[in-house]
Amino acid sequence: MGGSLLTRKSVLNTISRVVERDFHGNKLILVVSAMKGITDLLIKALDEHDPRLIDEAVQMYIDEAIDLGLDRLARFLELVGEDLRRFVSVGEPWVKDHVIIHGELLSTLLVSEVLSEVIGVNAKAIYEPGIVTNQEWGNASVIDELSLKNVRERYVRLLSKYDIIVTPGFLGISMDGRYTSLGRGGSDYTASLIASYLNASRLTFYTDSGGVLSGDPKIVEDPILIKEISYEEAHAASRVGAKKFHPKTFEPLMKSRVLTLITSPQLDSGTYITNNCIRVPKVVSVGRINQGLYRVSIVGCGISLNNEVIKDLSEIISSHGINGVVNDDVHVISMLVNDGDNAIDLTRDVHRWVRKWIG
């Protein structure tokens, strides 16, 4: 569950909607992110050695707990904040991971209490999801064999006793028992790993966008909700930044083929990820690679092998003074642009072209 959905005064409504949609007497695992803006605050607190920013981050959870009548939780969160303050000036390499993953841990505490004490379901929080990683601080790599064993043992046992398990995304545990972070978007990656390890029947990503759009609504006009994409397209889109997923989010799902839906708690529609390969352009993105260099990418199943697509696209990109494309994946066509304004203009032109293909 994306952090953009966990905002002040919205947690109960969001969690209630998810339970209503997904819990029908079956077992449910909720993987949660930090509340919106919390991770940035924690990173800033460490970078500036400012414990007041720790207080500001934790206070958001305390205020939400008090609003929901969870006074005991609010008092405990105060103790957590006091403990985190002491790490602000510690210079060990593992400290940043240890502190920033607390956004997810605090969300786990809050959501599990909402489920148990407010909604009244048989829920249990766990604070270490069983994902084992190396010690590449800030962007740890998962050790699959150990993680698979841990996740299966832990969740099978817990699901025999509880109906809903709440677990933090974004984090893992190193071989020596320290918290590690999986990188931005890591909560989605955590959910995919757990779903694949447990052979889940279904995985739902809840986001504020309600699915995969044909383009970023902040940049392009009238983006279309894509009703269906393939696992390969979803993986390609995450790698080029077309959707704010961790770049490895869909790797476990490509192997397991879990039925996957990207949606919003407030919507009945969304984007299904399937095995179907429809060879048309679907998604456009733009991102800055470095100072002065931008990449405009188009994602679609096998589109770099579709001569009709390449020929049609060449007329658009040549009008922007671009002579060639970069194909590092059969599902992606990318153009490198030196000027930011030209990159935005190209993105908008290409998006209008993509909309015609989508229909």
Protein backbone atom coordinates (compact mmCIF):
# COMPACT_ATOMS: atom_id res chain seq x y z
CA MET A 1 0.00 0.00 0.00
CA GLY A 2 1.60 3.20 -1.21
CA GLY A 3 2.49 5.93 1.27
CA SER A 4 0.61 8.50 -0.79
CA LEU A 5 -2.59 6.83 0.44
CA LEU A 6 -1.58 6.96 4.10
CA THR A 7 -2.01 10.64 4.90
CA ARG A 8 -3.24 12.50 7.96
CA LYS A 9 -6.93 11.92 8.68
CA SER A 10 -7.25 9.34 5.87
CA VAL A 11 -5.78 6.16 7.36
CA LEU A 12 -9.02 4.68 8.74
CA ASN A 13 -10.94 5.32 5.54
CA THR A 14 -8.18 3.85 3.38
CA ILE A 15 -7.71 0.73 5.50
CA SER A 16 -11.47 0.18 5.81
CA ARG A 17 -11.86 0.33 2.04
CA VAL A 18 -9.03 -2.15 1.47
CA VAL A 19 -10.46 -4.59 3.99
CA GLU A 20 -13.90 -4.25 2.43
CA ARG A 21 -12.51 -5.00 -1.03
CA ASP A 22 -9.98 -7.73 -0.28
CA PHE A 23 -10.95 -9.49 2.93
CA HIS A 24 -13.87 -11.88 2.50
CA GLY A 25 -13.09 -14.50 5.12
CA ASN A 26 -9.80 -15.32 3.42
CA LYS A 27 -6.32 -14.58 4.69
CA LEU A 28 -4.80 -11.21 3.85
CA ILE A 29 -1.29 -9.77 4.05
CA LEU A 30 -1.02 -5.97 4.03
CA VAL A 31 2.39 -4.57 3.07
CA VAL A 32 2.52 -0.92 4.09
CA SER A 33 4.71 2.07 3.25
CA ALA A 34 5.60 5.08 5.37
CA MET A 35 3.02 7.86 5.52
CA LYS A 36 3.40 10.45 2.80
CA GLY A 37 6.49 12.63 3.30
CA ILE A 38 7.88 10.69 6.27
CA THR A 39 10.87 9.07 4.52
CA ASP A 40 11.99 12.44 3.16
CA LEU A 41 11.78 13.93 6.66
CA LEU A 42 13.84 11.13 8.18
CA ILE A 43 16.50 11.43 5.48
CA LYS A 44 16.67 15.19 6.01
CA ALA A 45 16.95 14.71 9.77
CA LEU A 46 20.05 12.58 9.27
CA ASP A 47 21.59 14.77 6.57
CA GLU A 48 21.17 17.90 8.71
CA HIS A 49 21.73 16.17 12.09
CA ASP A 50 18.46 17.71 13.27
CA PRO A 51 16.48 15.70 15.86
CA ARG A 52 13.55 18.11 15.54
CA LEU A 53 12.80 16.60 12.13
CA ILE A 54 12.60 13.18 13.80
CA ASP A 55 10.03 14.64 16.17
CA GLU A 56 8.08 16.12 13.26
CA ALA A 57 7.95 12.76 11.48
CA VAL A 58 6.88 10.76 14.53
CA GLN A 59 4.34 13.42 15.53
CA MET A 60 2.34 12.75 12.36
CA TYR A 61 1.76 9.19 13.58
CA ILE A 62 1.04 10.33 17.14
CA ASP A 63 -1.57 12.81 15.92
CA GLU A 64 -3.24 10.17 13.76
CA ALA A 65 -3.28 7.70 16.67
CA ILE A 66 -4.85 10.28 19.01
CA ASP A 67 -7.50 11.18 16.41
CA LEU A 68 -8.45 7.49 16.22
CA GLY A 69 -8.61 7.07 20.00
CA LEU A 70 -5.44 4.97 20.15
CA ASP A 71 -3.93 6.73 23.17
CA ARG A 72 -1.80 3.78 24.29
CA LEU A 73 -0.22 3.61 20.83
CA ALA A 74 0.40 7.36 20.91
CA ARG A 75 2.35 7.04 24.17
CA PHE A 76 4.43 4.20 22.73
CA LEU A 77 5.19 6.22 19.60
CA GLU A 78 6.59 8.99 21.80
CA LEU A 79 9.11 6.47 23.15
CA VAL A 80 10.02 5.38 19.64
CA GLY A 81 10.70 9.00 18.71
CA GLU A 82 12.97 9.47 21.73
CA ASP A 83 14.92 6.37 20.72
CA LEU A 84 15.33 7.52 17.09
CA ARG A 85 16.63 10.94 18.12
CA ARG A 86 19.83 9.40 19.46
CA PHE A 87 20.81 8.11 16.02
CA VAL A 88 20.88 11.54 14.37
CA SER A 89 24.58 12.14 15.06
CA VAL A 90 25.81 8.54 14.78
CA GLY A 91 28.14 8.16 11.81
CA GLU A 92 28.03 4.38 11.26
CA PRO A 93 27.14 3.33 7.66
CA TRP A 94 24.12 1.26 8.73
CA VAL A 95 22.45 4.09 10.66
CA LYS A 96 20.70 5.76 7.74
CA ASP A 97 18.96 2.52 6.75
CA HIS A 98 18.04 1.85 10.38
CA VAL A 99 16.38 5.25 10.76
CA ILE A 100 14.61 5.70 7.42
CA ILE A 101 12.89 2.30 7.50
CA HIS A 102 11.11 3.41 10.68
CA GLY A 103 8.52 5.15 8.54
CA GLU A 104 7.35 1.72 7.44
CA LEU A 105 7.62 0.33 10.96
CA LEU A 106 5.48 3.15 12.36
CA SER A 107 2.90 2.58 9.61
CA THR A 108 2.81 -1.10 10.54
CA LEU A 109 2.14 -0.22 14.17
CA LEU A 110 -0.60 2.25 13.25
CA VAL A 111 -2.38 0.11 10.64
CA SER A 112 -2.37 -3.02 12.81
CA GLU A 113 -3.90 -1.07 15.71
CA VAL A 114 -6.54 0.40 13.41
CA LEU A 115 -7.44 -3.09 12.23
CA SER A 116 -7.54 -4.65 15.70
CA GLU A 117 -8.89 -1.86 17.90
CA VAL A 118 -11.01 0.25 15.53
CA ILE A 119 -12.24 -2.05 12.76
CA GLY A 120 -12.21 -5.15 14.96
CA VAL A 121 -10.56 -7.86 12.87
CA ASN A 122 -8.12 -10.57 13.94
CA ALA A 123 -4.91 -8.85 12.83
CA LYS A 124 -1.25 -9.20 13.74
CA ALA A 125 1.70 -6.90 13.05
CA ILE A 126 5.18 -8.17 12.31
CA TYR A 127 8.14 -5.86 12.07
CA GLU A 128 10.56 -7.94 10.04
CA PRO A 129 9.03 -9.39 6.87
CA GLY A 130 11.60 -12.16 6.48
CA ILE A 131 13.52 -10.62 3.57
CA VAL A 132 17.25 -11.34 3.94
CA THR A 133 19.68 -9.01 2.16
CA ASN A 134 23.32 -8.13 1.78
CA GLN A 135 24.78 -5.02 3.42
CA GLU A 136 24.61 -2.64 0.47
CA TRP A 137 23.26 0.19 2.58
CA GLY A 138 20.56 2.23 0.85
CA ASN A 139 19.89 -0.27 -1.92
CA ALA A 140 20.30 -3.76 -0.52
CA SER A 141 20.04 -6.86 -2.70
CA VAL A 142 17.75 -9.72 -1.68
CA ILE A 143 19.18 -13.18 -0.94
CA ASP A 144 16.40 -15.25 -2.47
CA GLU A 145 17.08 -18.69 -1.03
CA LEU A 146 17.16 -17.50 2.60
CA SER A 147 14.26 -15.08 2.08
CA LEU A 148 12.06 -17.78 0.54
CA LYS A 149 12.63 -20.08 3.52
CA ASN A 150 12.07 -17.33 6.09
CA VAL A 151 8.92 -15.93 4.48
CA ARG A 152 7.25 -19.31 4.06
CA GLU A 153 7.98 -20.41 7.60
CA ARG A 154 6.91 -17.12 9.16
CA TYR A 155 3.72 -16.36 7.25
CA VAL A 156 2.33 -19.90 7.09
CA ARG A 157 2.58 -20.09 10.88
CA LEU A 158 1.07 -16.66 11.47
CA LEU A 159 -1.75 -17.06 8.95
CA SER A 160 -2.88 -20.17 10.80
CA LYS A 161 -3.63 -17.94 13.82
CA TYR A 162 -4.57 -14.56 12.34
CA ASP A 163 -6.77 -13.37 9.49
CA ILE A 164 -4.74 -10.31 8.49
CA ILE A 165 -0.99 -9.83 8.77
CA VAL A 166 0.44 -6.31 8.56
CA THR A 167 4.07 -6.10 7.53
CA PRO A 168 6.43 -3.26 6.60
CA GLY A 169 7.67 -2.89 3.08
CA PHE A 170 10.96 -1.31 1.98
CA LEU A 171 13.13 -3.11 4.50
CA GLY A 172 15.12 -6.27 4.92
CA ILE A 173 17.50 -7.76 7.47
CA SER A 174 21.20 -8.32 6.86
CA MET A 175 22.95 -11.55 7.77
CA ASP A 176 24.16 -9.96 11.02
CA GLY A 177 20.65 -8.77 11.96
CA ARG A 178 20.69 -5.10 10.96
CA TYR A 179 17.85 -3.34 9.17
CA THR A 180 18.52 -2.61 5.50
CA SER A 181 16.54 -0.62 2.94
CA LEU A 182 15.66 -1.90 -0.53
CA GLY A 183 15.68 1.55 -2.17
CA ARG A 184 12.88 3.94 -3.09
CA GLY A 185 9.70 2.11 -4.07
CA GLY A 186 10.92 -0.84 -2.03
CA SER A 187 7.53 -1.52 -0.43
CA ASP A 188 6.13 -2.59 -3.81
CA TYR A 189 9.14 -4.86 -4.26
CA THR A 190 8.54 -6.37 -0.80
CA ALA A 191 4.93 -7.14 -1.71
CA SER A 192 5.98 -8.85 -4.95
CA LEU A 193 8.60 -10.95 -3.18
CA ILE A 194 6.17 -12.12 -0.49
CA ALA A 195 3.43 -12.87 -3.04
CA SER A 196 5.80 -14.92 -5.19
CA TYR A 197 7.36 -16.80 -2.24
CA LEU A 198 3.90 -17.73 -0.93
CA ASN A 199 2.36 -18.47 -4.35
CA ALA A 200 -0.40 -16.00 -3.54
CA SER A 201 -3.56 -16.19 -5.63
CA ARG A 202 -3.69 -12.41 -6.02
CA LEU A 203 -1.61 -9.30 -5.47
CA THR A 204 -3.06 -5.78 -5.42
CA PHE A 205 -0.96 -2.63 -5.55
CA TYR A 206 -2.89 0.32 -4.13
CA THR A 207 -1.72 3.67 -5.49
CA ASP A 208 -3.17 7.16 -5.72
CA SER A 209 -3.17 7.01 -9.55
CA GLY A 210 -5.49 4.00 -9.60
CA GLY A 211 -3.48 2.11 -12.22
CA VAL A 212 -0.96 2.56 -15.00
CA LEU A 213 -1.59 5.70 -17.04
CA SER A 214 -0.40 6.31 -20.58
CA GLY A 215 1.59 9.30 -19.32
CA ASP A 216 2.28 11.48 -16.32
CA PRO A 217 -0.78 13.77 -15.86
CA LYS A 218 1.58 16.50 -14.62
CA ILE A 219 3.21 16.56 -18.07
CA VAL A 220 0.79 15.26 -20.72
CA GLU A 221 -2.85 16.01 -21.46
CA ASP A 222 -5.63 13.46 -20.94
CA PRO A 223 -3.63 10.34 -20.05
CA ILE A 224 -5.55 7.10 -20.48
CA LEU A 225 -5.85 4.38 -17.84
CA ILE A 226 -4.30 1.25 -19.35
CA LYS A 227 -6.64 -1.62 -18.52
CA GLU A 228 -4.14 -4.41 -19.18
CA ILE A 229 -0.38 -4.75 -19.60
CA SER A 230 1.96 -7.72 -19.62
CA TYR A 231 4.47 -8.55 -16.91
CA GLU A 232 7.26 -7.68 -19.34
CA GLU A 233 5.76 -4.25 -20.02
CA ALA A 234 5.26 -3.57 -16.31
CA HIS A 235 8.88 -4.51 -15.64
CA ALA A 236 10.12 -2.33 -18.50
CA ALA A 237 7.98 0.61 -17.36
CA SER A 238 9.34 0.40 -13.81
CA ARG A 239 12.93 0.33 -15.08
CA VAL A 240 12.55 3.55 -17.11
CA GLY A 241 10.57 5.30 -14.39
CA ALA A 242 7.22 5.36 -16.18
CA LYS A 243 5.55 4.34 -12.93
CA LYS A 244 7.05 5.05 -9.53
CA PHE A 245 7.71 1.42 -8.77
CA HIS A 246 11.01 -0.01 -7.59
CA PRO A 247 12.83 -1.21 -10.77
CA LYS A 248 12.81 -4.80 -9.48
CA THR A 249 9.15 -4.84 -8.43
CA PHE A 250 7.92 -7.11 -11.22
CA GLU A 251 10.89 -9.47 -11.47
CA PRO A 252 9.48 -11.98 -8.91
CA LEU A 253 6.05 -11.82 -10.55
CA MET A 254 7.41 -12.67 -14.00
CA LYS A 255 8.45 -16.02 -12.57
CA SER A 256 5.37 -16.72 -10.44
CA ARG A 257 2.59 -15.22 -12.61
CA VAL A 258 0.53 -14.12 -9.63
CA LEU A 259 -2.68 -12.38 -10.75
CA THR A 260 -1.82 -8.73 -10.21
CA LEU A 261 -3.94 -5.57 -10.13
CA ILE A 262 -2.84 -1.93 -9.77
CA THR A 263 -5.71 0.20 -8.48
CA SER A 264 -6.87 2.71 -5.86
CA PRO A 265 -8.96 1.97 -2.74
CA GLN A 266 -11.59 4.37 -4.07
CA LEU A 267 -11.87 2.85 -7.56
CA ASP A 268 -13.43 -0.33 -8.92
CA SER A 269 -11.23 -0.22 -12.02
CA GLY A 270 -7.48 -0.48 -12.47
CA THR A 271 -4.71 -2.08 -14.50
CA TYR A 272 -4.39 -5.85 -14.65
CA ILE A 273 -1.00 -7.41 -15.30
CA THR A 274 -1.37 -10.52 -17.42
CA ASN A 275 0.47 -12.86 -19.77
CA ASN A 276 -1.00 -11.20 -22.87
CA CYS A 277 1.35 -9.41 -25.25
CA ILE A 278 -0.44 -6.74 -27.30
CA ARG A 279 2.14 -5.17 -29.60
CA VAL A 280 1.20 -1.51 -29.44
CA PRO A 281 2.77 1.47 -27.62
CA LYS A 282 1.05 2.07 -24.28
CA VAL A 283 3.07 4.23 -21.89
CA VAL A 284 5.29 7.30 -22.29
CA SER A 285 7.72 8.64 -19.69
CA VAL A 286 10.41 11.29 -19.42
CA GLY A 287 13.21 11.53 -16.89
CA ARG A 288 16.51 13.27 -16.40
CA ILE A 289 19.55 11.01 -16.65
CA ASN A 290 22.05 13.66 -15.60
CA GLN A 291 22.59 17.38 -15.83
CA GLY A 292 21.37 18.40 -19.29
CA LEU A 293 20.45 14.93 -20.61
CA TYR A 294 16.92 13.53 -20.65
CA ARG A 295 15.42 10.22 -21.74
CA VAL A 296 11.98 9.98 -23.31
CA SER A 297 10.76 6.37 -23.34
CA ILE A 298 7.84 4.50 -24.87
CA VAL A 299 6.79 1.13 -23.44
CA GLY A 300 4.85 -1.54 -25.28
CA CYS A 301 5.15 -5.29 -25.66
CA GLY A 302 7.76 -6.03 -28.36
CA ILE A 303 7.43 -2.56 -29.92
CA SER A 304 11.12 -2.21 -30.82
CA LEU A 305 10.59 -5.17 -33.19
CA ASN A 306 7.48 -3.64 -34.78
CA ASN A 307 8.59 -1.98 -38.04
CA GLU A 308 5.29 -0.14 -38.41
CA VAL A 309 5.73 1.46 -35.00
CA ILE A 310 9.34 2.43 -35.71
CA LYS A 311 8.48 3.97 -39.08
CA ASP A 312 5.53 5.91 -37.66
CA LEU A 313 7.56 7.17 -34.70
CA SER A 314 10.55 8.27 -36.78
CA GLU A 315 8.55 11.11 -38.33
CA ILE A 316 7.77 12.55 -34.90
CA ILE A 317 11.26 12.35 -33.45
CA SER A 318 12.93 13.75 -36.58
CA SER A 319 10.77 16.88 -36.23
CA HIS A 320 12.46 17.43 -32.86
CA GLY A 321 15.95 17.14 -34.32
CA ILE A 322 16.59 13.65 -32.97
CA ASN A 323 18.28 11.26 -35.35
CA GLY A 324 18.00 7.91 -33.64
CA VAL A 325 16.61 5.80 -30.82
CA VAL A 326 18.05 3.62 -28.09
CA ASN A 327 16.66 0.08 -27.80
CA ASP A 328 18.02 -1.62 -24.67
CA ASP A 329 14.90 -3.77 -24.35
CA VAL A 330 12.48 -5.17 -26.94
CA HIS A 331 9.64 -3.59 -24.95
CA VAL A 332 11.11 -0.07 -24.79
CA ILE A 333 12.03 2.61 -27.32
CA SER A 334 13.99 5.53 -25.84
CA MET A 335 15.23 8.85 -27.21
CA LEU A 336 17.99 10.90 -25.59
CA VAL A 337 17.37 14.65 -25.56
CA ASN A 338 19.83 17.36 -24.52
CA ASP A 339 17.28 20.08 -23.72
CA GLY A 340 14.66 19.85 -21.00
CA ASP A 341 12.02 21.89 -22.81
CA ASN A 342 12.47 19.84 -25.97
CA ALA A 343 12.19 16.65 -23.92
CA ILE A 344 8.82 17.79 -22.52
CA ASP A 345 7.57 18.85 -25.97
CA LEU A 346 8.66 15.51 -27.44
CA THR A 347 6.95 13.64 -24.61
CA ARG A 348 3.69 15.43 -25.27
CA ASP A 349 3.85 14.83 -29.03
CA VAL A 350 4.71 11.17 -28.53
CA HIS A 351 1.90 10.79 -26.00
CA ARG A 352 -0.66 12.10 -28.47
CA TRP A 353 0.68 9.52 -30.95
CA VAL A 354 0.48 6.73 -28.32
CA ARG A 355 -3.15 7.59 -27.53
CA LYS A 356 -4.02 6.88 -31.19
CA TRP A 357 -2.47 3.42 -30.93
CA ILE A 358 -4.31 2.66 -27.69
CA GLY A 359 -7.61 3.71 -29.26
